[in-house]
Amino acid sequence: MPPEAEEADPDYRFTLANERTFLAWMRTALGMLAGAVALVHVAGNKHASTTQRSLAVVLACLGILICVTSLRRWQAVQQAMRRGEDLPPSRHPLLLSVAVALVGAAVVVLLLHGGGRL
């Protein structure tokens, strides 16, 4: 950190808002992981199709990615607030929207071509 970059504690309301945002991303990650578990275990682990397992892996990887990137985002925002800098831009919403839309489209295609079963 350069010596000219002074840090000060931000208003606690901003710190708490940053924490709430982080926790919202954690809930999203947990939702992805729960979806992955449900895809495999609804049919029974031994009877899960390759498609179900593939979608479960994609959802689990999304959940893990969200965990890692949201922690880094929380830290970057906290540091920017301490230094009185502009908040760093975020690509989280765009990337998550595209990823969930792609998974949703895959599910629709598979349901239409698979006779209603994944």
PDB file of N, CA and C in Angstrom:
ATOM      1  N   MET A   1       0.856  -1.167   0.000  1.00  0.00           N
ATOM      2  CA  MET A   1       0.000   0.000   0.000  1.00  0.00           C
ATOM      3  C   MET A   1       0.904   1.232   0.000  1.00  0.00           C
ATOM      4  N   PRO A   2       0.620   2.185  -0.906  1.00  0.00           N
ATOM      5  CA  PRO A   2       1.435   3.397  -0.937  1.00  0.00           C
ATOM      6  C   PRO A   2       1.252   4.205   0.340  1.00  0.00           C
ATOM      7  N   PRO A   3       2.289   4.924   0.760  1.00  0.00           N
ATOM      8  CA  PRO A   3       2.192   5.681   2.011  1.00  0.00           C
ATOM      9  C   PRO A   3       1.159   6.797   1.956  1.00  0.00           C
ATOM     10  N   GLU A   4       0.860   7.327   0.753  1.00  0.00           N
ATOM     11  CA  GLU A   4      -0.099   8.429   0.677  1.00  0.00           C
ATOM     12  C   GLU A   4      -1.550   7.970   0.816  1.00  0.00           C
ATOM     13  N   ALA A   5      -1.790   6.668   0.721  1.00  0.00           N
ATOM     14  CA  ALA A   5      -3.149   6.148   0.836  1.00  0.00           C
ATOM     15  C   ALA A   5      -3.496   5.972   2.309  1.00  0.00           C
ATOM     16  N   GLU A   6      -4.158   6.952   2.857  1.00  0.00           N
ATOM     17  CA  GLU A   6      -4.558   6.881   4.257  1.00  0.00           C
ATOM     18  C   GLU A   6      -5.852   6.098   4.374  1.00  0.00           C
ATOM     19  N   GLU A   7      -5.956   5.357   5.454  1.00  0.00           N
ATOM     20  CA  GLU A   7      -7.158   4.579   5.689  1.00  0.00           C
ATOM     21  C   GLU A   7      -7.871   5.108   6.920  1.00  0.00           C
ATOM     22  N   ALA A   8      -9.192   5.081   6.843  1.00  0.00           N
ATOM     23  CA  ALA A   8     -10.028   5.473   7.976  1.00  0.00           C
ATOM     24  C   ALA A   8     -11.218   4.529   8.021  1.00  0.00           C
ATOM     25  N   ASP A   9     -11.713   4.294   9.216  1.00  0.00           N
ATOM     26  CA  ASP A   9     -12.883   3.437   9.338  1.00  0.00           C
ATOM     27  C   ASP A   9     -14.076   4.105   8.677  1.00  0.00           C
ATOM     28  N   PRO A  10     -14.755   3.396   7.763  1.00  0.00           N
ATOM     29  CA  PRO A  10     -15.943   3.973   7.141  1.00  0.00           C
ATOM     30  C   PRO A  10     -17.111   3.985   8.128  1.00  0.00           C
ATOM     31  N   ASP A  11     -18.128   4.727   7.793  1.00  0.00           N
ATOM     32  CA  ASP A  11     -19.352   4.741   8.585  1.00  0.00           C
ATOM     33  C   ASP A  11     -19.820   3.292   8.748  1.00  0.00           C
ATOM     34  N   TYR A  12     -20.182   2.905   9.950  1.00  0.00           N
ATOM     35  CA  TYR A  12     -20.550   1.513  10.217  1.00  0.00           C
ATOM     36  C   TYR A  12     -21.716   1.058   9.355  1.00  0.00           C
ATOM     37  N   ARG A  13     -22.590   1.983   8.951  1.00  0.00           N
ATOM     38  CA  ARG A  13     -23.733   1.600   8.109  1.00  0.00           C
ATOM     39  C   ARG A  13     -23.268   1.082   6.753  1.00  0.00           C
ATOM     40  N   PHE A  14     -22.198   1.681   6.225  1.00  0.00           N
ATOM     41  CA  PHE A  14     -21.669   1.218   4.948  1.00  0.00           C
ATOM     42  C   PHE A  14     -20.994  -0.142   5.100  1.00  0.00           C
ATOM     43  N   THR A  15     -20.309  -0.319   6.206  1.00  0.00           N
ATOM     44  CA  THR A  15     -19.672  -1.609   6.480  1.00  0.00           C
ATOM     45  C   THR A  15     -20.733  -2.700   6.599  1.00  0.00           C
ATOM     46  N   LEU A  16     -21.809  -2.403   7.315  1.00  0.00           N
ATOM     47  CA  LEU A  16     -22.885  -3.387   7.469  1.00  0.00           C
ATOM     48  C   LEU A  16     -23.602  -3.648   6.145  1.00  0.00           C
ATOM     49  N   ALA A  17     -23.768  -2.630   5.322  1.00  0.00           N
ATOM     50  CA  ALA A  17     -24.381  -2.819   4.002  1.00  0.00           C
ATOM     51  C   ALA A  17     -23.492  -3.712   3.132  1.00  0.00           C
ATOM     52  N   ASN A  18     -22.195  -3.499   3.193  1.00  0.00           N
ATOM     53  CA  ASN A  18     -21.264  -4.339   2.450  1.00  0.00           C
ATOM     54  C   ASN A  18     -21.353  -5.787   2.935  1.00  0.00           C
ATOM     55  N   GLU A  19     -21.477  -5.969   4.232  1.00  0.00           N
ATOM     56  CA  GLU A  19     -21.610  -7.318   4.785  1.00  0.00           C
ATOM     57  C   GLU A  19     -22.916  -7.968   4.347  1.00  0.00           C
ATOM     58  N   ARG A  20     -24.003  -7.215   4.339  1.00  0.00           N
ATOM     59  CA  ARG A  20     -25.292  -7.769   3.886  1.00  0.00           C
ATOM     60  C   ARG A  20     -25.222  -8.199   2.425  1.00  0.00           C
ATOM     61  N   THR A  21     -24.532  -7.421   1.616  1.00  0.00           N
ATOM     62  CA  THR A  21     -24.365  -7.790   0.213  1.00  0.00           C
ATOM     63  C   THR A  21     -23.576  -9.081   0.094  1.00  0.00           C
ATOM     64  N   PHE A  22     -22.504  -9.186   0.865  1.00  0.00           N
ATOM     65  CA  PHE A  22     -21.709 -10.416   0.884  1.00  0.00           C
ATOM     66  C   PHE A  22     -22.580 -11.608   1.285  1.00  0.00           C
ATOM     67  N   LEU A  23     -23.382 -11.440   2.324  1.00  0.00           N
ATOM     68  CA  LEU A  23     -24.237 -12.533   2.785  1.00  0.00           C
ATOM     69  C   LEU A  23     -25.292 -12.906   1.740  1.00  0.00           C
ATOM     70  N   ALA A  24     -25.766 -11.934   0.980  1.00  0.00           N
ATOM     71  CA  ALA A  24     -26.713 -12.229  -0.099  1.00  0.00           C
ATOM     72  C   ALA A  24     -26.045 -13.102  -1.166  1.00  0.00           C
ATOM     73  N   TRP A  25     -24.783 -12.805  -1.478  1.00  0.00           N
ATOM     74  CA  TRP A  25     -24.050 -13.645  -2.434  1.00  0.00           C
ATOM     75  C   TRP A  25     -23.837 -15.038  -1.857  1.00  0.00           C
ATOM     76  N   MET A  26     -23.613 -15.137  -0.554  1.00  0.00           N
ATOM     77  CA  MET A  26     -23.452 -16.453   0.070  1.00  0.00           C
ATOM     78  C   MET A  26     -24.753 -17.261  -0.023  1.00  0.00           C
ATOM     79  N   ARG A  27     -25.899 -16.592   0.172  1.00  0.00           N
ATOM     80  CA  ARG A  27     -27.183 -17.285   0.028  1.00  0.00           C
ATOM     81  C   ARG A  27     -27.374 -17.773  -1.407  1.00  0.00           C
ATOM     82  N   THR A  28     -26.941 -16.973  -2.364  1.00  0.00           N
ATOM     83  CA  THR A  28     -27.025 -17.380  -3.763  1.00  0.00           C
ATOM     84  C   THR A  28     -26.151 -18.609  -3.997  1.00  0.00           C
ATOM     85  N   ALA A  29     -24.944 -18.598  -3.458  1.00  0.00           N
ATOM     86  CA  ALA A  29     -24.047 -19.746  -3.607  1.00  0.00           C
ATOM     87  C   ALA A  29     -24.646 -20.996  -2.966  1.00  0.00           C
ATOM     88  N   LEU A  30     -25.237 -20.841  -1.788  1.00  0.00           N
ATOM     89  CA  LEU A  30     -25.881 -21.984  -1.134  1.00  0.00           C
ATOM     90  C   LEU A  30     -27.043 -22.507  -1.956  1.00  0.00           C
ATOM     91  N   GLY A  31     -27.786 -21.610  -2.596  1.00  0.00           N
ATOM     92  CA  GLY A  31     -28.881 -22.021  -3.472  1.00  0.00           C
ATOM     93  C   GLY A  31     -28.371 -22.842  -4.647  1.00  0.00           C
ATOM     94  N   MET A  32     -27.249 -22.428  -5.216  1.00  0.00           N
ATOM     95  CA  MET A  32     -26.645 -23.182  -6.321  1.00  0.00           C
ATOM     96  C   MET A  32     -26.226 -24.575  -5.843  1.00  0.00           C
ATOM     97  N   LEU A  33     -25.598 -24.631  -4.679  1.00  0.00           N
ATOM     98  CA  LEU A  33     -25.163 -25.916  -4.144  1.00  0.00           C
ATOM     99  C   LEU A  33     -26.355 -26.806  -3.797  1.00  0.00           C
ATOM    100  N   ALA A  34     -27.414 -26.221  -3.262  1.00  0.00           N
ATOM    101  CA  ALA A  34     -28.617 -26.997  -2.950  1.00  0.00           C
ATOM    102  C   ALA A  34     -29.252 -27.537  -4.231  1.00  0.00           C
ATOM    103  N   GLY A  35     -29.255 -26.731  -5.289  1.00  0.00           N
ATOM    104  CA  GLY A  35     -29.776 -27.198  -6.573  1.00  0.00           C
ATOM    105  C   GLY A  35     -28.956 -28.358  -7.113  1.00  0.00           C
ATOM    106  N   ALA A  36     -27.649 -28.286  -6.945  1.00  0.00           N
ATOM    107  CA  ALA A  36     -26.777 -29.372  -7.404  1.00  0.00           C
ATOM    108  C   ALA A  36     -27.085 -30.663  -6.646  1.00  0.00           C
ATOM    109  N   VAL A  37     -27.228 -30.557  -5.347  1.00  0.00           N
ATOM    110  CA  VAL A  37     -27.544 -31.742  -4.534  1.00  0.00           C
ATOM    111  C   VAL A  37     -28.907 -32.299  -4.920  1.00  0.00           C
ATOM    112  N   ALA A  38     -29.879 -31.431  -5.124  1.00  0.00           N
ATOM    113  CA  ALA A  38     -31.226 -31.876  -5.475  1.00  0.00           C
ATOM    114  C   ALA A  38     -31.244 -32.599  -6.817  1.00  0.00           C
ATOM    115  N   LEU A  39     -30.516 -32.100  -7.792  1.00  0.00           N
ATOM    116  CA  LEU A  39     -30.505 -32.741  -9.114  1.00  0.00           C
ATOM    117  C   LEU A  39     -30.038 -34.190  -9.046  1.00  0.00           C
ATOM    118  N   VAL A  40     -29.068 -34.447  -8.206  1.00  0.00           N
ATOM    119  CA  VAL A  40     -28.521 -35.797  -8.122  1.00  0.00           C
ATOM    120  C   VAL A  40     -29.355 -36.685  -7.203  1.00  0.00           C
ATOM    121  N   HIS A  41     -29.818 -36.142  -6.097  1.00  0.00           N
ATOM    122  CA  HIS A  41     -30.445 -36.976  -5.085  1.00  0.00           C
ATOM    123  C   HIS A  41     -31.951 -37.126  -5.220  1.00  0.00           C
ATOM    124  N   VAL A  42     -32.605 -36.313  -6.034  1.00  0.00           N
ATOM    125  CA  VAL A  42     -34.046 -36.491  -6.217  1.00  0.00           C
ATOM    126  C   VAL A  42     -34.315 -37.833  -6.889  1.00  0.00           C
ATOM    127  N   ALA A  43     -33.486 -38.183  -7.872  1.00  0.00           N
ATOM    128  CA  ALA A  43     -33.653 -39.460  -8.567  1.00  0.00           C
ATOM    129  C   ALA A  43     -32.952 -40.596  -7.833  1.00  0.00           C
ATOM    130  N   GLY A  44     -32.240 -40.289  -6.799  1.00  0.00           N
ATOM    131  CA  GLY A  44     -31.431 -41.298  -6.122  1.00  0.00           C
ATOM    132  C   GLY A  44     -30.041 -41.260  -6.728  1.00  0.00           C
ATOM    133  N   ASN A  45     -29.057 -41.219  -5.909  1.00  0.00           N
ATOM    134  CA  ASN A  45     -27.680 -41.042  -6.363  1.00  0.00           C
ATOM    135  C   ASN A  45     -27.276 -42.079  -7.418  1.00  0.00           C
ATOM    136  N   LYS A  46     -27.692 -43.325  -7.259  1.00  0.00           N
ATOM    137  CA  LYS A  46     -27.296 -44.379  -8.198  1.00  0.00           C
ATOM    138  C   LYS A  46     -28.056 -44.297  -9.511  1.00  0.00           C
ATOM    139  N   HIS A  47     -29.215 -43.623  -9.509  1.00  0.00           N
ATOM    140  CA  HIS A  47     -30.036 -43.563 -10.709  1.00  0.00           C
ATOM    141  C   HIS A  47     -29.971 -42.207 -11.407  1.00  0.00           C
ATOM    142  N   ALA A  48     -29.140 -41.322 -10.940  1.00  0.00           N
ATOM    143  CA  ALA A  48     -29.016 -40.001 -11.566  1.00  0.00           C
ATOM    144  C   ALA A  48     -28.408 -40.164 -12.954  1.00  0.00           C
ATOM    145  N   SER A  49     -29.022 -39.483 -13.920  1.00  0.00           N
ATOM    146  CA  SER A  49     -28.533 -39.579 -15.293  1.00  0.00           C
ATOM    147  C   SER A  49     -27.265 -38.745 -15.460  1.00  0.00           C
ATOM    148  N   THR A  50     -26.592 -38.970 -16.562  1.00  0.00           N
ATOM    149  CA  THR A  50     -25.394 -38.188 -16.878  1.00  0.00           C
ATOM    150  C   THR A  50     -25.749 -36.712 -16.985  1.00  0.00           C
ATOM    151  N   THR A  51     -26.927 -36.435 -17.545  1.00  0.00           N
ATOM    152  CA  THR A  51     -27.373 -35.050 -17.677  1.00  0.00           C
ATOM    153  C   THR A  51     -27.564 -34.413 -16.310  1.00  0.00           C
ATOM    154  N   GLN A  52     -28.203 -35.132 -15.403  1.00  0.00           N
ATOM    155  CA  GLN A  52     -28.407 -34.609 -14.056  1.00  0.00           C
ATOM    156  C   GLN A  52     -27.072 -34.354 -13.374  1.00  0.00           C
ATOM    157  N   ARG A  53     -26.167 -35.276 -13.512  1.00  0.00           N
ATOM    158  CA  ARG A  53     -24.856 -35.109 -12.891  1.00  0.00           C
ATOM    159  C   ARG A  53     -24.102 -33.932 -13.506  1.00  0.00           C
ATOM    160  N   SER A  54     -24.191 -33.772 -14.818  1.00  0.00           N
ATOM    161  CA  SER A  54     -23.511 -32.661 -15.496  1.00  0.00           C
ATOM    162  C   SER A  54     -24.059 -31.317 -15.035  1.00  0.00           C
ATOM    163  N   LEU A  55     -25.380 -31.202 -14.984  1.00  0.00           N
ATOM    164  CA  LEU A  55     -25.982 -29.949 -14.509  1.00  0.00           C
ATOM    165  C   LEU A  55     -25.644 -29.709 -13.044  1.00  0.00           C
ATOM    166  N   ALA A  56     -25.593 -30.777 -12.264  1.00  0.00           N
ATOM    167  CA  ALA A  56     -25.231 -30.635 -10.851  1.00  0.00           C
ATOM    168  C   ALA A  56     -23.804 -30.128 -10.712  1.00  0.00           C
ATOM    169  N   VAL A  57     -22.895 -30.623 -11.544  1.00  0.00           N
ATOM    170  CA  VAL A  57     -21.506 -30.161 -11.500  1.00  0.00           C
ATOM    171  C   VAL A  57     -21.425 -28.681 -11.869  1.00  0.00           C
ATOM    172  N   VAL A  58     -22.173 -28.275 -12.900  1.00  0.00           N
ATOM    173  CA  VAL A  58     -22.184 -26.866 -13.299  1.00  0.00           C
ATOM    174  C   VAL A  58     -22.693 -25.995 -12.157  1.00  0.00           C
ATOM    175  N   LEU A  59     -23.802 -26.395 -11.531  1.00  0.00           N
ATOM    176  CA  LEU A  59     -24.351 -25.610 -10.420  1.00  0.00           C
ATOM    177  C   LEU A  59     -23.394 -25.572  -9.230  1.00  0.00           C
ATOM    178  N   ALA A  60     -22.772 -26.692  -8.929  1.00  0.00           N
ATOM    179  CA  ALA A  60     -21.821 -26.726  -7.806  1.00  0.00           C
ATOM    180  C   ALA A  60     -20.622 -25.819  -8.102  1.00  0.00           C
ATOM    181  N   CYS A  61     -20.123 -25.858  -9.327  1.00  0.00           N
ATOM    182  CA  CYS A  61     -18.993 -24.987  -9.689  1.00  0.00           C
ATOM    183  C   CYS A  61     -19.386 -23.521  -9.613  1.00  0.00           C
ATOM    184  N   LEU A  62     -20.609 -23.196 -10.040  1.00  0.00           N
ATOM    185  CA  LEU A  62     -21.090 -21.817  -9.907  1.00  0.00           C
ATOM    186  C   LEU A  62     -21.136 -21.407  -8.438  1.00  0.00           C
ATOM    187  N   GLY A  63     -21.627 -22.292  -7.583  1.00  0.00           N
ATOM    188  CA  GLY A  63     -21.676 -21.992  -6.152  1.00  0.00           C
ATOM    189  C   GLY A  63     -20.296 -21.741  -5.568  1.00  0.00           C
ATOM    190  N   ILE A  64     -19.342 -22.563  -5.943  1.00  0.00           N
ATOM    191  CA  ILE A  64     -17.971 -22.390  -5.459  1.00  0.00           C
ATOM    192  C   ILE A  64     -17.385 -21.082  -5.979  1.00  0.00           C
ATOM    193  N   LEU A  65     -17.593 -20.804  -7.256  1.00  0.00           N
ATOM    194  CA  LEU A  65     -17.089 -19.568  -7.856  1.00  0.00           C
ATOM    195  C   LEU A  65     -17.675 -18.337  -7.171  1.00  0.00           C
ATOM    196  N   ILE A  66     -18.964 -18.378  -6.882  1.00  0.00           N
ATOM    197  CA  ILE A  66     -19.612 -17.260  -6.196  1.00  0.00           C
ATOM    198  C   ILE A  66     -19.007 -17.066  -4.806  1.00  0.00           C
ATOM    199  N   CYS A  67     -18.751 -18.160  -4.093  1.00  0.00           N
ATOM    200  CA  CYS A  67     -18.126 -18.057  -2.759  1.00  0.00           C
ATOM    201  C   CYS A  67     -16.797 -17.331  -2.830  1.00  0.00           C
ATOM    202  N   VAL A  68     -15.958 -17.746  -3.743  1.00  0.00           N
ATOM    203  CA  VAL A  68     -14.612 -17.179  -3.839  1.00  0.00           C
ATOM    204  C   VAL A  68     -14.658 -15.720  -4.293  1.00  0.00           C
ATOM    205  N   THR A  69     -15.413 -15.447  -5.353  1.00  0.00           N
ATOM    206  CA  THR A  69     -15.423 -14.088  -5.893  1.00  0.00           C
ATOM    207  C   THR A  69     -16.150 -13.103  -4.983  1.00  0.00           C
ATOM    208  N   SER A  70     -17.158 -13.568  -4.262  1.00  0.00           N
ATOM    209  CA  SER A  70     -17.866 -12.639  -3.378  1.00  0.00           C
ATOM    210  C   SER A  70     -17.001 -12.240  -2.182  1.00  0.00           C
ATOM    211  N   LEU A  71     -16.172 -13.149  -1.708  1.00  0.00           N
ATOM    212  CA  LEU A  71     -15.252 -12.795  -0.626  1.00  0.00           C
ATOM    213  C   LEU A  71     -14.254 -11.746  -1.111  1.00  0.00           C
ATOM    214  N   ARG A  72     -13.714 -11.955  -2.295  1.00  0.00           N
ATOM    215  CA  ARG A  72     -12.768 -10.986  -2.862  1.00  0.00           C
ATOM    216  C   ARG A  72     -13.456  -9.637  -3.089  1.00  0.00           C
ATOM    217  N   ARG A  73     -14.699  -9.664  -3.540  1.00  0.00           N
ATOM    218  CA  ARG A  73     -15.457  -8.424  -3.767  1.00  0.00           C
ATOM    219  C   ARG A  73     -15.677  -7.693  -2.439  1.00  0.00           C
ATOM    220  N   TRP A  74     -16.077  -8.430  -1.401  1.00  0.00           N
ATOM    221  CA  TRP A  74     -16.307  -7.816  -0.093  1.00  0.00           C
ATOM    222  C   TRP A  74     -15.033  -7.125   0.396  1.00  0.00           C
ATOM    223  N   GLN A  75     -13.904  -7.803   0.261  1.00  0.00           N
ATOM    224  CA  GLN A  75     -12.636  -7.225   0.702  1.00  0.00           C
ATOM    225  C   GLN A  75     -12.271  -5.982  -0.106  1.00  0.00           C
ATOM    226  N   ALA A  76     -12.479  -6.017  -1.418  1.00  0.00           N
ATOM    227  CA  ALA A  76     -12.137  -4.876  -2.267  1.00  0.00           C
ATOM    228  C   ALA A  76     -13.000  -3.659  -1.941  1.00  0.00           C
ATOM    229  N   VAL A  77     -14.294  -3.894  -1.712  1.00  0.00           N
ATOM    230  CA  VAL A  77     -15.193  -2.790  -1.362  1.00  0.00           C
ATOM    231  C   VAL A  77     -14.822  -2.223  -0.003  1.00  0.00           C
ATOM    232  N   GLN A  78     -14.532  -3.102   0.948  1.00  0.00           N
ATOM    233  CA  GLN A  78     -14.164  -2.638   2.285  1.00  0.00           C
ATOM    234  C   GLN A  78     -12.901  -1.785   2.230  1.00  0.00           C
ATOM    235  N   GLN A  79     -11.924  -2.234   1.472  1.00  0.00           N
ATOM    236  CA  GLN A  79     -10.675  -1.492   1.349  1.00  0.00           C
ATOM    237  C   GLN A  79     -10.906  -0.138   0.656  1.00  0.00           C
ATOM    238  N   ALA A  80     -11.730  -0.120  -0.387  1.00  0.00           N
ATOM    239  CA  ALA A  80     -12.021   1.138  -1.079  1.00  0.00           C
ATOM    240  C   ALA A  80     -12.709   2.125  -0.136  1.00  0.00           C
ATOM    241  N   MET A  81     -13.626   1.631   0.681  1.00  0.00           N
ATOM    242  CA  MET A  81     -14.308   2.517   1.632  1.00  0.00           C
ATOM    243  C   MET A  81     -13.323   3.056   2.661  1.00  0.00           C
ATOM    244  N   ARG A  82     -12.410   2.229   3.123  1.00  0.00           N
ATOM    245  CA  ARG A  82     -11.414   2.680   4.108  1.00  0.00           C
ATOM    246  C   ARG A  82     -10.503   3.760   3.534  1.00  0.00           C
ATOM    247  N   ARG A  83     -10.225   3.671   2.253  1.00  0.00           N
ATOM    248  CA  ARG A  83      -9.333   4.631   1.608  1.00  0.00           C
ATOM    249  C   ARG A  83     -10.077   5.832   1.013  1.00  0.00           C
ATOM    250  N   GLY A  84     -11.397   5.809   1.065  1.00  0.00           N
ATOM    251  CA  GLY A  84     -12.177   6.911   0.510  1.00  0.00           C
ATOM    252  C   GLY A  84     -12.166   6.921  -1.010  1.00  0.00           C
ATOM    253  N   GLU A  85     -11.946   5.758  -1.620  1.00  0.00           N
ATOM    254  CA  GLU A  85     -11.896   5.648  -3.078  1.00  0.00           C
ATOM    255  C   GLU A  85     -13.267   5.272  -3.638  1.00  0.00           C
ATOM    256  N   ASP A  86     -13.398   5.390  -4.959  1.00  0.00           N
ATOM    257  CA  ASP A  86     -14.607   4.907  -5.620  1.00  0.00           C
ATOM    258  C   ASP A  86     -14.675   3.395  -5.475  1.00  0.00           C
ATOM    259  N   LEU A  87     -15.889   2.876  -5.419  1.00  0.00           N
ATOM    260  CA  LEU A  87     -16.044   1.429  -5.311  1.00  0.00           C
ATOM    261  C   LEU A  87     -15.656   0.780  -6.632  1.00  0.00           C
ATOM    262  N   PRO A  88     -15.012  -0.382  -6.557  1.00  0.00           N
ATOM    263  CA  PRO A  88     -14.625  -1.059  -7.793  1.00  0.00           C
ATOM    264  C   PRO A  88     -15.860  -1.566  -8.534  1.00  0.00           C
ATOM    265  N   PRO A  89     -15.794  -1.577  -9.868  1.00  0.00           N
ATOM    266  CA  PRO A  89     -16.947  -2.085 -10.629  1.00  0.00           C
ATOM    267  C   PRO A  89     -17.115  -3.587 -10.400  1.00  0.00           C
ATOM    268  N   SER A  90     -18.319  -4.072 -10.590  1.00  0.00           N
ATOM    269  CA  SER A  90     -18.598  -5.485 -10.364  1.00  0.00           C
ATOM    270  C   SER A  90     -19.231  -6.106 -11.607  1.00  0.00           C
ATOM    271  N   ARG A  91     -18.751  -7.292 -11.938  1.00  0.00           N
ATOM    272  CA  ARG A  91     -19.340  -8.055 -13.043  1.00  0.00           C
ATOM    273  C   ARG A  91     -20.190  -9.208 -12.517  1.00  0.00           C
ATOM    274  N   HIS A  92     -20.289  -9.324 -11.200  1.00  0.00           N
ATOM    275  CA  HIS A  92     -21.049 -10.431 -10.608  1.00  0.00           C
ATOM    276  C   HIS A  92     -22.461 -10.563 -11.177  1.00  0.00           C
ATOM    277  N   PRO A  93     -23.261  -9.494 -11.156  1.00  0.00           N
ATOM    278  CA  PRO A  93     -24.646  -9.654 -11.630  1.00  0.00           C
ATOM    279  C   PRO A  93     -24.729 -10.123 -13.085  1.00  0.00           C
ATOM    280  N   LEU A  94     -23.913  -9.560 -13.952  1.00  0.00           N
ATOM    281  CA  LEU A  94     -23.947  -9.960 -15.361  1.00  0.00           C
ATOM    282  C   LEU A  94     -23.526 -11.417 -15.527  1.00  0.00           C
ATOM    283  N   LEU A  95     -22.418 -11.796 -14.919  1.00  0.00           N
ATOM    284  CA  LEU A  95     -21.926 -13.163 -15.065  1.00  0.00           C
ATOM    285  C   LEU A  95     -22.893 -14.185 -14.477  1.00  0.00           C
ATOM    286  N   LEU A  96     -23.452 -13.880 -13.314  1.00  0.00           N
ATOM    287  CA  LEU A  96     -24.397 -14.805 -12.699  1.00  0.00           C
ATOM    288  C   LEU A  96     -25.664 -14.920 -13.536  1.00  0.00           C
ATOM    289  N   SER A  97     -26.145 -13.809 -14.058  1.00  0.00           N
ATOM    290  CA  SER A  97     -27.347 -13.836 -14.896  1.00  0.00           C
ATOM    291  C   SER A  97     -27.134 -14.692 -16.131  1.00  0.00           C
ATOM    292  N   VAL A  98     -26.002 -14.519 -16.786  1.00  0.00           N
ATOM    293  CA  VAL A  98     -25.709 -15.307 -17.987  1.00  0.00           C
ATOM    294  C   VAL A  98     -25.585 -16.789 -17.637  1.00  0.00           C
ATOM    295  N   ALA A  99     -24.882 -17.095 -16.566  1.00  0.00           N
ATOM    296  CA  ALA A  99     -24.689 -18.493 -16.174  1.00  0.00           C
ATOM    297  C   ALA A  99     -26.013 -19.165 -15.825  1.00  0.00           C
ATOM    298  N   VAL A 100     -26.861 -18.496 -15.054  1.00  0.00           N
ATOM    299  CA  VAL A 100     -28.145 -19.086 -14.676  1.00  0.00           C
ATOM    300  C   VAL A 100     -29.050 -19.212 -15.897  1.00  0.00           C
ATOM    301  N   ALA A 101     -29.013 -18.233 -16.791  1.00  0.00           N
ATOM    302  CA  ALA A 101     -29.811 -18.317 -18.017  1.00  0.00           C
ATOM    303  C   ALA A 101     -29.368 -19.500 -18.877  1.00  0.00           C
ATOM    304  N   LEU A 102     -28.065 -19.730 -18.973  1.00  0.00           N
ATOM    305  CA  LEU A 102     -27.563 -20.867 -19.757  1.00  0.00           C
ATOM    306  C   LEU A 102     -27.975 -22.201 -19.135  1.00  0.00           C
ATOM    307  N   VAL A 103     -27.884 -22.300 -17.814  1.00  0.00           N
ATOM    308  CA  VAL A 103     -28.314 -23.534 -17.140  1.00  0.00           C
ATOM    309  C   VAL A 103     -29.817 -23.725 -17.338  1.00  0.00           C
ATOM    310  N   GLY A 104     -30.585 -22.646 -17.200  1.00  0.00           N
ATOM    311  CA  GLY A 104     -32.030 -22.735 -17.416  1.00  0.00           C
ATOM    312  C   GLY A 104     -32.370 -23.152 -18.832  1.00  0.00           C
ATOM    313  N   ALA A 105     -31.678 -22.597 -19.812  1.00  0.00           N
ATOM    314  CA  ALA A 105     -31.911 -22.975 -21.214  1.00  0.00           C
ATOM    315  C   ALA A 105     -31.569 -24.444 -21.439  1.00  0.00           C
ATOM    316  N   ALA A 106     -30.491 -24.903 -20.828  1.00  0.00           N
ATOM    317  CA  ALA A 106     -30.123 -26.322 -20.955  1.00  0.00           C
ATOM    318  C   ALA A 106     -31.208 -27.215 -20.368  1.00  0.00           C
ATOM    319  N   VAL A 107     -31.752 -26.823 -19.225  1.00  0.00           N
ATOM    320  CA  VAL A 107     -32.824 -27.609 -18.600  1.00  0.00           C
ATOM    321  C   VAL A 107     -34.049 -27.654 -19.506  1.00  0.00           C
ATOM    322  N   VAL A 108     -34.440 -26.516 -20.076  1.00  0.00           N
ATOM    323  CA  VAL A 108     -35.611 -26.467 -20.965  1.00  0.00           C
ATOM    324  C   VAL A 108     -35.395 -27.364 -22.182  1.00  0.00           C
ATOM    325  N   VAL A 109     -34.234 -27.251 -22.814  1.00  0.00           N
ATOM    326  CA  VAL A 109     -33.939 -28.078 -23.991  1.00  0.00           C
ATOM    327  C   VAL A 109     -33.979 -29.560 -23.631  1.00  0.00           C
ATOM    328  N   LEU A 110     -33.377 -29.903 -22.523  1.00  0.00           N
ATOM    329  CA  LEU A 110     -33.360 -31.308 -22.116  1.00  0.00           C
ATOM    330  C   LEU A 110     -34.751 -31.823 -21.775  1.00  0.00           C
ATOM    331  N   LEU A 111     -35.556 -30.989 -21.158  1.00  0.00           N
ATOM    332  CA  LEU A 111     -36.927 -31.409 -20.843  1.00  0.00           C
ATOM    333  C   LEU A 111     -37.749 -31.593 -22.111  1.00  0.00           C
ATOM    334  N   LEU A 112     -37.570 -30.703 -23.091  1.00  0.00           N
ATOM    335  CA  LEU A 112     -38.321 -30.818 -24.337  1.00  0.00           C
ATOM    336  C   LEU A 112     -37.879 -32.021 -25.161  1.00  0.00           C
ATOM    337  N   HIS A 113     -36.599 -32.319 -25.157  1.00  0.00           N
ATOM    338  CA  HIS A 113     -36.095 -33.437 -25.947  1.00  0.00           C
ATOM    339  C   HIS A 113     -36.013 -34.741 -25.185  1.00  0.00           C
ATOM    340  N   GLY A 114     -36.163 -34.661 -23.894  1.00  0.00           N
ATOM    341  CA  GLY A 114     -36.047 -35.874 -23.075  1.00  0.00           C
ATOM    342  C   GLY A 114     -37.387 -36.414 -22.603  1.00  0.00           C
ATOM    343  N   GLY A 115     -38.473 -35.905 -23.140  1.00  0.00           N
ATOM    344  CA  GLY A 115     -39.791 -36.411 -22.753  1.00  0.00           C
ATOM    345  C   GLY A 115     -40.177 -36.021 -21.339  1.00  0.00           C
ATOM    346  N   GLY A 116     -39.706 -34.886 -20.865  1.00  0.00           N
ATOM    347  CA  GLY A 116     -40.094 -34.415 -19.539  1.00  0.00           C
ATOM    348  C   GLY A 116     -39.187 -34.875 -18.418  1.00  0.00           C
ATOM    349  N   ARG A 117     -38.167 -35.646 -18.754  1.00  0.00           N
ATOM    350  CA  ARG A 117     -37.228 -36.117 -17.733  1.00  0.00           C
ATOM    351  C   ARG A 117     -35.847 -35.593 -18.024  1.00  0.00           C
ATOM    352  N   LEU A 118     -35.141 -35.231 -16.962  1.00  0.00           N
ATOM    353  CA  LEU A 118     -33.727 -34.869 -17.110  1.00  0.00           C
ATOM    354  C   LEU A 118     -32.959 -36.146 -17.094  1.00  0.00           C
TER     355      LEU A 118
END
